[in-house]
């Protein structure tokens, strides 16, 4: 219940009690390698490691992690066994993530990977009134509908290749409550030698966003912001958090506390990036916007300082002069 509190407080610090118009929740599971006999840690054949498989949700205003002082961070997480299916426990997880996100935003939208594209998950999100953009696994029907868009025009291709997004008509999963939109994304880019692959790369996104709010191109840009969320997971992992307790419950507490610490670090990092230098001619600082979390912790939080030797009480100083 506490994980989203730093995000909520930072949001209110910037805009008072007002909620953002749109809050986007990214959800994904990822492996955390373990060494030992931890309860619930299981060898996973896909990763070929003994792991836990936590599920986490991160919030970003308007789906943009680059916005300063608007409040981003992890809002919900659970620890799962290492062999958990991608969508195991997702029903209750999505509801709790939605409830927390609604304290931050008037409208909530989910972005999910293909492991969460089951019809019941999409229907549950749609019934809740939230929006979604979910990568859809390929199947024979989708491939057939996409075929007319996969041929290249005659003549020399442009230097940067081709990339476009179009809406496919005529596809409906029988398990869907309604006919959701399906977007075909074709990415046909040259390799380092300037040559196109034999066949273009393509994938599908399913969404309940109305066309007037999200055109295919805009939806693609919106979905690609998931890459920043995945970077956040990488930053958390780089901090070196170990789930090394013997009991499952202890490791889940360790996970939640580490994500809470990450949220607090994120608040401090954003405050640093948003700060202005009061000096008349401040030096250029191209690094101010480029600190990853590990560097921020090591350079900023571990910066040395001198303190007054006169203590008052347990640890108070006479003044912050030094």
C-alpha atoms as a PDB file:
ATOM      1  CA  UNK A   1       0.000   0.000   0.000  1.00  0.00           C
ATOM      2  CA  UNK A   2       2.925   2.383   0.543  1.00  0.00           C
ATOM      3  CA  UNK A   3       4.898   2.023  -2.678  1.00  0.00           C
ATOM      4  CA  UNK A   4       3.076   4.760  -4.608  1.00  0.00           C
ATOM      5  CA  UNK A   5       3.232   7.332  -1.782  1.00  0.00           C
ATOM      6  CA  UNK A   6       6.494   9.076  -2.880  1.00  0.00           C
ATOM      7  CA  UNK A   7       5.080   9.364  -6.415  1.00  0.00           C
ATOM      8  CA  UNK A   8       1.819  10.809  -5.088  1.00  0.00           C
ATOM      9  CA  UNK A   9       3.559  13.324  -2.819  1.00  0.00           C
ATOM     10  CA  UNK A  10       5.932  14.453  -5.546  1.00  0.00           C
ATOM     11  CA  UNK A  11       2.994  14.910  -7.912  1.00  0.00           C
ATOM     12  CA  UNK A  12       1.172  17.078  -5.372  1.00  0.00           C
ATOM     13  CA  UNK A  13       4.292  19.099  -4.671  1.00  0.00           C
ATOM     14  CA  UNK A  14       4.355  20.170  -8.300  1.00  0.00           C
ATOM     15  CA  UNK A  15       0.633  20.682  -8.962  1.00  0.00           C
ATOM     16  CA  UNK A  16      -1.091  20.776  -5.612  1.00  0.00           C
ATOM     17  CA  UNK A  17      -4.091  18.464  -5.331  1.00  0.00           C
ATOM     18  CA  UNK A  18      -4.731  18.389  -9.058  1.00  0.00           C
ATOM     19  CA  UNK A  19      -4.454  15.093 -10.880  1.00  0.00           C
ATOM     20  CA  UNK A  20      -2.756  14.804 -14.245  1.00  0.00           C
ATOM     21  CA  UNK A  21      -5.102  14.431 -17.193  1.00  0.00           C
ATOM     22  CA  UNK A  22      -3.648  11.078 -18.226  1.00  0.00           C
ATOM     23  CA  UNK A  23      -1.546   8.650 -16.240  1.00  0.00           C
ATOM     24  CA  UNK A  24       0.034   5.663 -17.969  1.00  0.00           C
ATOM     25  CA  UNK A  25       0.822   2.448 -16.116  1.00  0.00           C
ATOM     26  CA  UNK A  26       3.434   0.110 -17.578  1.00  0.00           C
ATOM     27  CA  UNK A  27       3.323  -3.462 -16.317  1.00  0.00           C
ATOM     28  CA  UNK A  28       5.832  -6.237 -16.814  1.00  0.00           C
ATOM     29  CA  UNK A  29       7.524  -9.173 -15.156  1.00  0.00           C
ATOM     30  CA  UNK A  30      11.269  -9.734 -15.134  1.00  0.00           C
ATOM     31  CA  UNK A  31      13.762 -12.202 -13.649  1.00  0.00           C
ATOM     32  CA  UNK A  32      15.810 -11.620 -10.514  1.00  0.00           C
ATOM     33  CA  UNK A  33      18.592 -14.190 -10.255  1.00  0.00           C
ATOM     34  CA  UNK A  34      19.143 -15.895  -6.915  1.00  0.00           C
ATOM     35  CA  UNK A  35      21.978 -17.971  -5.460  1.00  0.00           C
ATOM     36  CA  UNK A  36      21.105 -20.396  -2.715  1.00  0.00           C
ATOM     37  CA  UNK A  37      18.001 -22.157  -1.437  1.00  0.00           C
ATOM     38  CA  UNK A  38      15.542 -19.266  -1.253  1.00  0.00           C
ATOM     39  CA  UNK A  39      11.913 -20.299  -0.908  1.00  0.00           C
ATOM     40  CA  UNK A  40      10.085 -19.846  -4.229  1.00  0.00           C
ATOM     41  CA  UNK A  41      13.237 -19.372  -6.309  1.00  0.00           C
ATOM     42  CA  UNK A  42      13.025 -21.845  -9.217  1.00  0.00           C
ATOM     43  CA  UNK A  43      15.198 -22.713 -12.193  1.00  0.00           C
ATOM     44  CA  UNK A  44      13.671 -21.070 -15.268  1.00  0.00           C
ATOM     45  CA  UNK A  45      14.446 -22.783 -18.559  1.00  0.00           C
ATOM     46  CA  UNK A  46      13.920 -19.631 -20.616  1.00  0.00           C
ATOM     47  CA  UNK A  47      16.501 -17.629 -18.670  1.00  0.00           C
ATOM     48  CA  UNK A  48      18.555 -20.729 -17.759  1.00  0.00           C
ATOM     49  CA  UNK A  49      18.952 -19.383 -14.232  1.00  0.00           C
ATOM     50  CA  UNK A  50      17.399 -19.842 -10.819  1.00  0.00           C
ATOM     51  CA  UNK A  51      15.191 -16.783 -10.402  1.00  0.00           C
ATOM     52  CA  UNK A  52      12.243 -15.034  -8.865  1.00  0.00           C
ATOM     53  CA  UNK A  53       9.761 -13.479 -11.279  1.00  0.00           C
ATOM     54  CA  UNK A  54       8.367 -10.257  -9.753  1.00  0.00           C
ATOM     55  CA  UNK A  55       5.591  -8.298 -11.426  1.00  0.00           C
ATOM     56  CA  UNK A  56       5.835  -4.506 -11.265  1.00  0.00           C
ATOM     57  CA  UNK A  57       3.795  -1.493 -12.366  1.00  0.00           C
ATOM     58  CA  UNK A  58       5.269   1.948 -13.002  1.00  0.00           C
ATOM     59  CA  UNK A  59       3.391   5.251 -13.382  1.00  0.00           C
ATOM     60  CA  UNK A  60       4.241   8.134 -15.709  1.00  0.00           C
ATOM     61  CA  UNK A  61       2.179  11.283 -16.397  1.00  0.00           C
ATOM     62  CA  UNK A  62       0.939  11.306 -19.990  1.00  0.00           C
ATOM     63  CA  UNK A  63       3.106   8.271 -20.655  1.00  0.00           C
ATOM     64  CA  UNK A  64       6.259  10.386 -20.758  1.00  0.00           C
ATOM     65  CA  UNK A  65       9.040   9.454 -18.336  1.00  0.00           C
ATOM     66  CA  UNK A  66      11.093  12.452 -19.473  1.00  0.00           C
ATOM     67  CA  UNK A  67       8.736  15.053 -17.994  1.00  0.00           C
ATOM     68  CA  UNK A  68      10.338  16.733 -14.992  1.00  0.00           C
ATOM     69  CA  UNK A  69       8.732  17.149 -11.586  1.00  0.00           C
ATOM     70  CA  UNK A  70       5.472  15.482 -12.564  1.00  0.00           C
ATOM     71  CA  UNK A  71       5.980  12.331 -10.535  1.00  0.00           C
ATOM     72  CA  UNK A  72       7.025   8.976 -11.932  1.00  0.00           C
ATOM     73  CA  UNK A  73       7.912   5.726 -10.242  1.00  0.00           C
ATOM     74  CA  UNK A  74       6.862   2.237  -9.273  1.00  0.00           C
ATOM     75  CA  UNK A  75       3.364   2.133  -7.767  1.00  0.00           C
ATOM     76  CA  UNK A  76       2.724  -1.585  -7.274  1.00  0.00           C
ATOM     77  CA  UNK A  77       4.718  -4.824  -7.185  1.00  0.00           C
ATOM     78  CA  UNK A  78       4.435  -8.447  -6.135  1.00  0.00           C
ATOM     79  CA  UNK A  79       7.008 -11.202  -5.893  1.00  0.00           C
ATOM     80  CA  UNK A  80       6.270 -14.469  -7.707  1.00  0.00           C
ATOM     81  CA  UNK A  81       7.887 -17.884  -8.009  1.00  0.00           C
ATOM     82  CA  UNK A  82      10.584 -18.218 -10.633  1.00  0.00           C
ATOM     83  CA  UNK A  83       8.443 -20.360 -12.927  1.00  0.00           C
ATOM     84  CA  UNK A  84       5.362 -18.121 -12.808  1.00  0.00           C
ATOM     85  CA  UNK A  85       3.556 -17.639 -16.114  1.00  0.00           C
ATOM     86  CA  UNK A  86       3.833 -14.078 -17.537  1.00  0.00           C
ATOM     87  CA  UNK A  87       0.240 -13.196 -16.554  1.00  0.00           C
ATOM     88  CA  UNK A  88       0.014 -15.165 -13.303  1.00  0.00           C
ATOM     89  CA  UNK A  89      -1.782 -13.111 -10.649  1.00  0.00           C
ATOM     90  CA  UNK A  90      -2.515 -10.317 -13.129  1.00  0.00           C
ATOM     91  CA  UNK A  91      -6.234  -9.855 -12.332  1.00  0.00           C
ATOM     92  CA  UNK A  92      -5.864  -8.588  -8.773  1.00  0.00           C
ATOM     93  CA  UNK A  93      -2.574  -6.901  -9.685  1.00  0.00           C
ATOM     94  CA  UNK A  94      -4.197  -4.748 -12.401  1.00  0.00           C
ATOM     95  CA  UNK A  95      -7.037  -3.693 -10.110  1.00  0.00           C
ATOM     96  CA  UNK A  96      -4.677  -2.608  -7.339  1.00  0.00           C
ATOM     97  CA  UNK A  97      -2.427  -0.784  -9.830  1.00  0.00           C
ATOM     98  CA  UNK A  98      -5.495   0.964 -11.284  1.00  0.00           C
ATOM     99  CA  UNK A  99      -6.747   2.026  -7.843  1.00  0.00           C
ATOM    100  CA  UNK A 100      -3.362   3.569  -7.023  1.00  0.00           C
ATOM    101  CA  UNK A 101      -3.035   5.250 -10.424  1.00  0.00           C
ATOM    102  CA  UNK A 102      -6.466   6.869 -10.007  1.00  0.00           C
ATOM    103  CA  UNK A 103      -5.115   8.796  -7.015  1.00  0.00           C
ATOM    104  CA  UNK A 104      -2.662  10.394  -9.451  1.00  0.00           C
ATOM    105  CA  UNK A 105      -4.583  10.776 -12.731  1.00  0.00           C
ATOM    106  CA  UNK A 106      -8.106  11.414 -13.998  1.00  0.00           C
ATOM    107  CA  UNK A 107      -7.731   8.859 -16.806  1.00  0.00           C
ATOM    108  CA  UNK A 108      -5.523   5.762 -16.637  1.00  0.00           C
ATOM    109  CA  UNK A 109      -4.056   3.834 -19.562  1.00  0.00           C
ATOM    110  CA  UNK A 110      -2.113   0.587 -19.453  1.00  0.00           C
ATOM    111  CA  UNK A 111       0.788  -0.411 -21.706  1.00  0.00           C
ATOM    112  CA  UNK A 112       1.519  -4.137 -21.719  1.00  0.00           C
ATOM    113  CA  UNK A 113       3.743  -6.606 -23.532  1.00  0.00           C
ATOM    114  CA  UNK A 114       2.485  -9.552 -25.571  1.00  0.00           C
ATOM    115  CA  UNK A 115       2.477 -11.853 -22.535  1.00  0.00           C
ATOM    116  CA  UNK A 116      -0.578  -9.961 -21.249  1.00  0.00           C
ATOM    117  CA  UNK A 117      -2.646  -9.947 -24.462  1.00  0.00           C
ATOM    118  CA  UNK A 118      -5.169 -12.588 -23.333  1.00  0.00           C
ATOM    119  CA  UNK A 119      -8.771 -11.654 -24.103  1.00  0.00           C
ATOM    120  CA  UNK A 120      -9.887 -11.715 -20.461  1.00  0.00           C
ATOM    121  CA  UNK A 121      -7.133  -9.232 -19.500  1.00  0.00           C
ATOM    122  CA  UNK A 122      -8.111  -6.806 -22.290  1.00  0.00           C
ATOM    123  CA  UNK A 123     -11.796  -7.125 -21.402  1.00  0.00           C
ATOM    124  CA  UNK A 124     -11.099  -6.518 -17.716  1.00  0.00           C
ATOM    125  CA  UNK A 125      -9.187  -3.303 -18.454  1.00  0.00           C
ATOM    126  CA  UNK A 126     -11.848  -2.089 -20.883  1.00  0.00           C
ATOM    127  CA  UNK A 127     -14.673  -2.743 -18.401  1.00  0.00           C
ATOM    128  CA  UNK A 128     -12.815  -0.736 -15.754  1.00  0.00           C
ATOM    129  CA  UNK A 129     -12.951   2.346 -17.994  1.00  0.00           C
ATOM    130  CA  UNK A 130      -9.187   2.449 -18.497  1.00  0.00           C
ATOM    131  CA  UNK A 131      -7.403   2.519 -21.859  1.00  0.00           C
ATOM    132  CA  UNK A 132      -4.845   0.005 -23.055  1.00  0.00           C
ATOM    133  CA  UNK A 133      -2.182  -0.506 -25.727  1.00  0.00           C
ATOM    134  CA  UNK A 134      -0.932  -4.086 -25.785  1.00  0.00           C
ATOM    135  CA  UNK A 135       1.416  -5.829 -28.163  1.00  0.00           C
ATOM    136  CA  UNK A 136      -0.481  -8.649 -29.853  1.00  0.00           C
ATOM    137  CA  UNK A 137       1.235 -11.966 -30.665  1.00  0.00           C
ATOM    138  CA  UNK A 138       1.301 -12.898 -34.337  1.00  0.00           C
ATOM    139  CA  UNK A 139      -1.138 -15.493 -35.646  1.00  0.00           C
ATOM    140  CA  UNK A 140      -2.119 -16.809 -39.072  1.00  0.00           C
ATOM    141  CA  UNK A 141      -5.155 -14.524 -39.427  1.00  0.00           C
ATOM    142  CA  UNK A 142      -3.179 -11.399 -38.545  1.00  0.00           C
ATOM    143  CA  UNK A 143      -0.358 -12.383 -40.870  1.00  0.00           C
ATOM    144  CA  UNK A 144      -2.836 -12.793 -43.717  1.00  0.00           C
ATOM    145  CA  UNK A 145      -4.376  -9.378 -43.076  1.00  0.00           C
ATOM    146  CA  UNK A 146      -0.915  -7.796 -42.908  1.00  0.00           C
ATOM    147  CA  UNK A 147       0.352  -9.388 -46.141  1.00  0.00           C
ATOM    148  CA  UNK A 148      -0.780  -6.585 -48.524  1.00  0.00           C
ATOM    149  CA  UNK A 149       1.267  -4.091 -46.523  1.00  0.00           C
ATOM    150  CA  UNK A 150       4.493  -6.087 -46.517  1.00  0.00           C
ATOM    151  CA  UNK A 151       5.474  -5.744 -50.179  1.00  0.00           C
ATOM    152  CA  UNK A 152       8.014  -3.057 -51.089  1.00  0.00           C
ATOM    153  CA  UNK A 153       7.401  -0.568 -53.889  1.00  0.00           C
ATOM    154  CA  UNK A 154       9.456  -0.854 -57.062  1.00  0.00           C
ATOM    155  CA  UNK A 155      12.690   1.111 -57.282  1.00  0.00           C
ATOM    156  CA  UNK A 156      15.519   1.908 -54.929  1.00  0.00           C
ATOM    157  CA  UNK A 157      14.396   2.081 -51.285  1.00  0.00           C
ATOM    158  CA  UNK A 158      14.989   5.288 -49.329  1.00  0.00           C
ATOM    159  CA  UNK A 159      18.243   5.512 -47.415  1.00  0.00           C
ATOM    160  CA  UNK A 160      16.500   5.135 -44.054  1.00  0.00           C
ATOM    161  CA  UNK A 161      14.202   2.353 -45.186  1.00  0.00           C
ATOM    162  CA  UNK A 162      10.497   2.230 -44.425  1.00  0.00           C
ATOM    163  CA  UNK A 163       8.466   2.566 -41.254  1.00  0.00           C
ATOM    164  CA  UNK A 164       4.724   3.043 -40.928  1.00  0.00           C
ATOM    165  CA  UNK A 165       1.693   2.121 -38.850  1.00  0.00           C
ATOM    166  CA  UNK A 166      -1.753   1.345 -40.285  1.00  0.00           C
ATOM    167  CA  UNK A 167      -5.043   0.159 -38.876  1.00  0.00           C
ATOM    168  CA  UNK A 168      -6.106  -3.338 -39.894  1.00  0.00           C
ATOM    169  CA  UNK A 169      -9.763  -3.953 -40.621  1.00  0.00           C
ATOM    170  CA  UNK A 170     -11.671  -7.172 -40.197  1.00  0.00           C
ATOM    171  CA  UNK A 171      -9.973  -8.793 -37.187  1.00  0.00           C
ATOM    172  CA  UNK A 172     -11.857  -9.739 -34.027  1.00  0.00           C
ATOM    173  CA  UNK A 173     -10.841 -12.264 -31.432  1.00  0.00           C
ATOM    174  CA  UNK A 174     -13.957 -14.284 -30.436  1.00  0.00           C
ATOM    175  CA  UNK A 175     -13.023 -13.798 -26.763  1.00  0.00           C
ATOM    176  CA  UNK A 176     -13.111  -9.989 -26.969  1.00  0.00           C
ATOM    177  CA  UNK A 177     -16.134  -8.175 -25.536  1.00  0.00           C
ATOM    178  CA  UNK A 178     -16.045  -5.818 -28.503  1.00  0.00           C
ATOM    179  CA  UNK A 179     -14.042  -5.202 -31.648  1.00  0.00           C
ATOM    180  CA  UNK A 180     -10.847  -3.562 -30.436  1.00  0.00           C
ATOM    181  CA  UNK A 181      -8.587  -1.728 -32.864  1.00  0.00           C
ATOM    182  CA  UNK A 182      -5.569  -3.595 -34.260  1.00  0.00           C
ATOM    183  CA  UNK A 183      -2.597  -1.582 -35.520  1.00  0.00           C
ATOM    184  CA  UNK A 184       0.010  -3.061 -37.849  1.00  0.00           C
ATOM    185  CA  UNK A 185       3.517  -1.628 -37.411  1.00  0.00           C
ATOM    186  CA  UNK A 186       6.044  -2.258 -40.180  1.00  0.00           C
ATOM    187  CA  UNK A 187       9.704  -1.537 -39.439  1.00  0.00           C
ATOM    188  CA  UNK A 188      11.816  -2.102 -42.544  1.00  0.00           C
ATOM    189  CA  UNK A 189      15.188  -0.546 -41.715  1.00  0.00           C
ATOM    190  CA  UNK A 190      18.602  -1.162 -43.297  1.00  0.00           C
ATOM    191  CA  UNK A 191      21.384  -2.874 -41.368  1.00  0.00           C
ATOM    192  CA  UNK A 192      24.812  -1.332 -40.719  1.00  0.00           C
ATOM    193  CA  UNK A 193      25.789  -2.115 -44.301  1.00  0.00           C
ATOM    194  CA  UNK A 194      22.766  -0.287 -45.705  1.00  0.00           C
ATOM    195  CA  UNK A 195      20.952  -3.450 -46.808  1.00  0.00           C
ATOM    196  CA  UNK A 196      17.330  -4.286 -46.049  1.00  0.00           C
ATOM    197  CA  UNK A 197      16.457  -7.689 -44.640  1.00  0.00           C
ATOM    198  CA  UNK A 198      14.864 -10.246 -46.925  1.00  0.00           C
ATOM    199  CA  UNK A 199      11.463  -9.559 -45.349  1.00  0.00           C
ATOM    200  CA  UNK A 200      10.322  -6.538 -43.313  1.00  0.00           C
ATOM    201  CA  UNK A 201       9.919  -6.803 -39.542  1.00  0.00           C
ATOM    202  CA  UNK A 202       6.370  -6.197 -38.340  1.00  0.00           C
ATOM    203  CA  UNK A 203       4.235  -6.506 -35.215  1.00  0.00           C
ATOM    204  CA  UNK A 204       0.733  -5.682 -33.957  1.00  0.00           C
ATOM    205  CA  UNK A 205      -0.731  -3.491 -31.202  1.00  0.00           C
ATOM    206  CA  UNK A 206      -4.285  -3.927 -29.940  1.00  0.00           C
ATOM    207  CA  UNK A 207      -5.978  -0.963 -28.273  1.00  0.00           C
ATOM    208  CA  UNK A 208      -9.288   0.449 -27.082  1.00  0.00           C
ATOM    209  CA  UNK A 209      -8.180   4.050 -27.668  1.00  0.00           C
ATOM    210  CA  UNK A 210     -10.653   5.786 -30.049  1.00  0.00           C
ATOM    211  CA  UNK A 211      -9.188   6.746 -33.454  1.00  0.00           C
ATOM    212  CA  UNK A 212      -9.713  10.465 -32.850  1.00  0.00           C
ATOM    213  CA  UNK A 213      -7.578  10.303 -29.706  1.00  0.00           C
ATOM    214  CA  UNK A 214      -4.863   7.964 -30.967  1.00  0.00           C
ATOM    215  CA  UNK A 215      -3.999   7.698 -34.644  1.00  0.00           C
ATOM    216  CA  UNK A 216      -1.875   4.646 -35.609  1.00  0.00           C
ATOM    217  CA  UNK A 217       1.315   6.744 -35.719  1.00  0.00           C
ATOM    218  CA  UNK A 218       0.569   8.438 -32.405  1.00  0.00           C
ATOM    219  CA  UNK A 219      -0.253   5.089 -30.798  1.00  0.00           C
ATOM    220  CA  UNK A 220       3.095   3.681 -31.953  1.00  0.00           C
ATOM    221  CA  UNK A 221       4.957   6.621 -30.394  1.00  0.00           C
ATOM    222  CA  UNK A 222       2.908   6.158 -27.212  1.00  0.00           C
ATOM    223  CA  UNK A 223       3.696   2.446 -27.022  1.00  0.00           C
ATOM    224  CA  UNK A 224       7.400   2.932 -27.646  1.00  0.00           C
ATOM    225  CA  UNK A 225       7.673   4.857 -24.395  1.00  0.00           C
ATOM    226  CA  UNK A 226       7.644   1.418 -22.758  1.00  0.00           C
ATOM    227  CA  UNK A 227      11.336   1.378 -23.607  1.00  0.00           C
ATOM    228  CA  UNK A 228      11.981   3.979 -20.906  1.00  0.00           C
ATOM    229  CA  UNK A 229      10.061   1.862 -18.393  1.00  0.00           C
ATOM    230  CA  UNK A 230      12.307  -1.074 -19.284  1.00  0.00           C
ATOM    231  CA  UNK A 231      15.315   1.206 -18.738  1.00  0.00           C
ATOM    232  CA  UNK A 232      13.986   1.904 -15.229  1.00  0.00           C
ATOM    233  CA  UNK A 233      13.916  -1.836 -14.549  1.00  0.00           C
ATOM    234  CA  UNK A 234      17.516  -2.007 -15.732  1.00  0.00           C
ATOM    235  CA  UNK A 235      18.489   0.856 -13.422  1.00  0.00           C
ATOM    236  CA  UNK A 236      16.863  -0.883 -10.461  1.00  0.00           C
ATOM    237  CA  UNK A 237      18.701  -4.085 -11.306  1.00  0.00           C
ATOM    238  CA  UNK A 238      22.004  -2.190 -11.603  1.00  0.00           C
ATOM    239  CA  UNK A 239      21.657  -1.041  -7.989  1.00  0.00           C
ATOM    240  CA  UNK A 240      22.502  -4.606  -6.990  1.00  0.00           C
ATOM    241  CA  UNK A 241      19.513  -5.530  -4.851  1.00  0.00           C
ATOM    242  CA  UNK A 242      19.800  -9.143  -3.652  1.00  0.00           C
ATOM    243  CA  UNK A 243      16.791 -11.233  -2.695  1.00  0.00           C
ATOM    244  CA  UNK A 244      18.881 -13.464  -0.472  1.00  0.00           C
ATOM    245  CA  UNK A 245      16.574 -14.131   2.504  1.00  0.00           C
ATOM    246  CA  UNK A 246      15.516 -17.713   3.138  1.00  0.00           C
ATOM    247  CA  UNK A 247      11.742 -17.067   3.317  1.00  0.00           C
ATOM    248  CA  UNK A 248       9.602 -15.902   0.390  1.00  0.00           C
ATOM    249  CA  UNK A 249       7.806 -13.240   2.466  1.00  0.00           C
ATOM    250  CA  UNK A 250      11.108 -11.698   3.584  1.00  0.00           C
ATOM    251  CA  UNK A 251      12.283 -11.442  -0.015  1.00  0.00           C
ATOM    252  CA  UNK A 252       9.031  -9.803  -1.073  1.00  0.00           C
ATOM    253  CA  UNK A 253       9.499  -7.193   1.661  1.00  0.00           C
ATOM    254  CA  UNK A 254      13.081  -6.652   0.463  1.00  0.00           C
ATOM    255  CA  UNK A 255      11.806  -6.173  -3.097  1.00  0.00           C
ATOM    256  CA  UNK A 256       9.175  -3.636  -2.029  1.00  0.00           C
ATOM    257  CA  UNK A 257      11.608  -1.677   0.142  1.00  0.00           C
ATOM    258  CA  UNK A 258      14.155  -1.557  -2.678  1.00  0.00           C
ATOM    259  CA  UNK A 259      11.518  -0.215  -5.094  1.00  0.00           C
ATOM    260  CA  UNK A 260      10.477   2.337  -2.472  1.00  0.00           C
ATOM    261  CA  UNK A 261      14.119   3.431  -2.162  1.00  0.00           C
ATOM    262  CA  UNK A 262      14.285   3.699  -5.960  1.00  0.00           C
ATOM    263  CA  UNK A 263      11.207   5.955  -5.938  1.00  0.00           C
ATOM    264  CA  UNK A 264      12.838   8.231  -3.362  1.00  0.00           C
ATOM    265  CA  UNK A 265      16.020   8.356  -5.441  1.00  0.00           C
ATOM    266  CA  UNK A 266      13.919   9.209  -8.491  1.00  0.00           C
ATOM    267  CA  UNK A 267      12.348  12.151  -6.637  1.00  0.00           C
ATOM    268  CA  UNK A 268      15.799  13.475  -5.720  1.00  0.00           C
ATOM    269  CA  UNK A 269      17.149  12.961  -9.220  1.00  0.00           C
ATOM    270  CA  UNK A 270      14.236  14.850 -10.766  1.00  0.00           C
ATOM    271  CA  UNK A 271      14.650  17.688  -8.283  1.00  0.00           C
ATOM    272  CA  UNK A 272      18.297  17.952  -9.281  1.00  0.00           C
ATOM    273  CA  UNK A 273      17.414  17.938 -12.991  1.00  0.00           C
ATOM    274  CA  UNK A 274      14.735  20.583 -12.468  1.00  0.00           C
ATOM    275  CA  UNK A 275      16.872  22.888 -10.331  1.00  0.00           C
ATOM    276  CA  UNK A 276      18.305  26.098 -11.772  1.00  0.00           C
ATOM    277  CA  UNK A 277      21.702  27.417 -10.852  1.00  0.00           C
ATOM    278  CA  UNK A 278      21.220  30.799  -9.058  1.00  0.00           C
ATOM    279  CA  UNK A 279      24.663  32.119 -10.048  1.00  0.00           C
ATOM    280  CA  UNK A 280      24.690  34.951 -12.635  1.00  0.00           C
ATOM    281  CA  UNK A 281      26.738  32.952 -15.142  1.00  0.00           C
ATOM    282  CA  UNK A 282      26.331  29.281 -14.267  1.00  0.00           C
ATOM    283  CA  UNK A 283      28.668  26.846 -15.997  1.00  0.00           C
ATOM    284  CA  UNK A 284      27.215  24.647 -18.691  1.00  0.00           C
ATOM    285  CA  UNK A 285      26.162  21.301 -17.281  1.00  0.00           C
ATOM    286  CA  UNK A 286      25.256  18.824 -20.020  1.00  0.00           C
ATOM    287  CA  UNK A 287      25.394  16.052 -17.419  1.00  0.00           C
ATOM    288  CA  UNK A 288      22.479  17.409 -15.381  1.00  0.00           C
ATOM    289  CA  UNK A 289      19.953  15.571 -17.546  1.00  0.00           C
ATOM    290  CA  UNK A 290      22.024  12.444 -18.026  1.00  0.00           C
ATOM    291  CA  UNK A 291      22.578  10.819 -14.633  1.00  0.00           C
ATOM    292  CA  UNK A 292      21.534   7.198 -14.503  1.00  0.00           C
ATOM    293  CA  UNK A 293      20.458   5.958 -11.097  1.00  0.00           C
ATOM    294  CA  UNK A 294      23.733   4.250 -10.200  1.00  0.00           C
ATOM    295  CA  UNK A 295      25.742   7.354 -11.066  1.00  0.00           C
ATOM    296  CA  UNK A 296      23.320   9.615  -9.225  1.00  0.00           C
ATOM    297  CA  UNK A 297      23.635   7.491  -6.097  1.00  0.00           C
ATOM    298  CA  UNK A 298      27.426   7.279  -6.263  1.00  0.00           C
ATOM    299  CA  UNK A 299      28.173  10.879  -7.296  1.00  0.00           C
ATOM    300  CA  UNK A 300      25.458  12.896  -5.578  1.00  0.00           C
ATOM    301  CA  UNK A 301      24.321  10.918  -2.546  1.00  0.00           C
ATOM    302  CA  UNK A 302      27.827   9.836  -1.591  1.00  0.00           C
ATOM    303  CA  UNK A 303      29.365  13.285  -2.015  1.00  0.00           C
ATOM    304  CA  UNK A 304      31.649  14.081   0.936  1.00  0.00           C
ATOM    305  CA  UNK A 305      30.862  16.937   3.321  1.00  0.00           C
ATOM    306  CA  UNK A 306      32.248  18.476   6.521  1.00  0.00           C
ATOM    307  CA  UNK A 307      29.971  18.842   9.532  1.00  0.00           C
ATOM    308  CA  UNK A 308      30.325  20.948  12.650  1.00  0.00           C
ATOM    309  CA  UNK A 309      31.898  19.064  15.525  1.00  0.00           C
ATOM    310  CA  UNK A 310      29.470  20.611  18.050  1.00  0.00           C
ATOM    311  CA  UNK A 311      26.521  18.246  18.388  1.00  0.00           C
ATOM    312  CA  UNK A 312      23.174  19.096  19.925  1.00  0.00           C
ATOM    313  CA  UNK A 313      20.945  16.264  21.082  1.00  0.00           C
ATOM    314  CA  UNK A 314      21.512  12.921  19.411  1.00  0.00           C
ATOM    315  CA  UNK A 315      22.797  14.041  16.032  1.00  0.00           C
ATOM    316  CA  UNK A 316      21.694  17.640  15.437  1.00  0.00           C
ATOM    317  CA  UNK A 317      24.163  20.312  14.397  1.00  0.00           C
ATOM    318  CA  UNK A 318      24.393  23.854  15.705  1.00  0.00           C
ATOM    319  CA  UNK A 319      23.888  25.140  12.184  1.00  0.00           C
ATOM    320  CA  UNK A 320      24.278  23.974   8.606  1.00  0.00           C
ATOM    321  CA  UNK A 321      27.232  26.317   8.127  1.00  0.00           C
ATOM    322  CA  UNK A 322      29.672  23.582   7.140  1.00  0.00           C
END
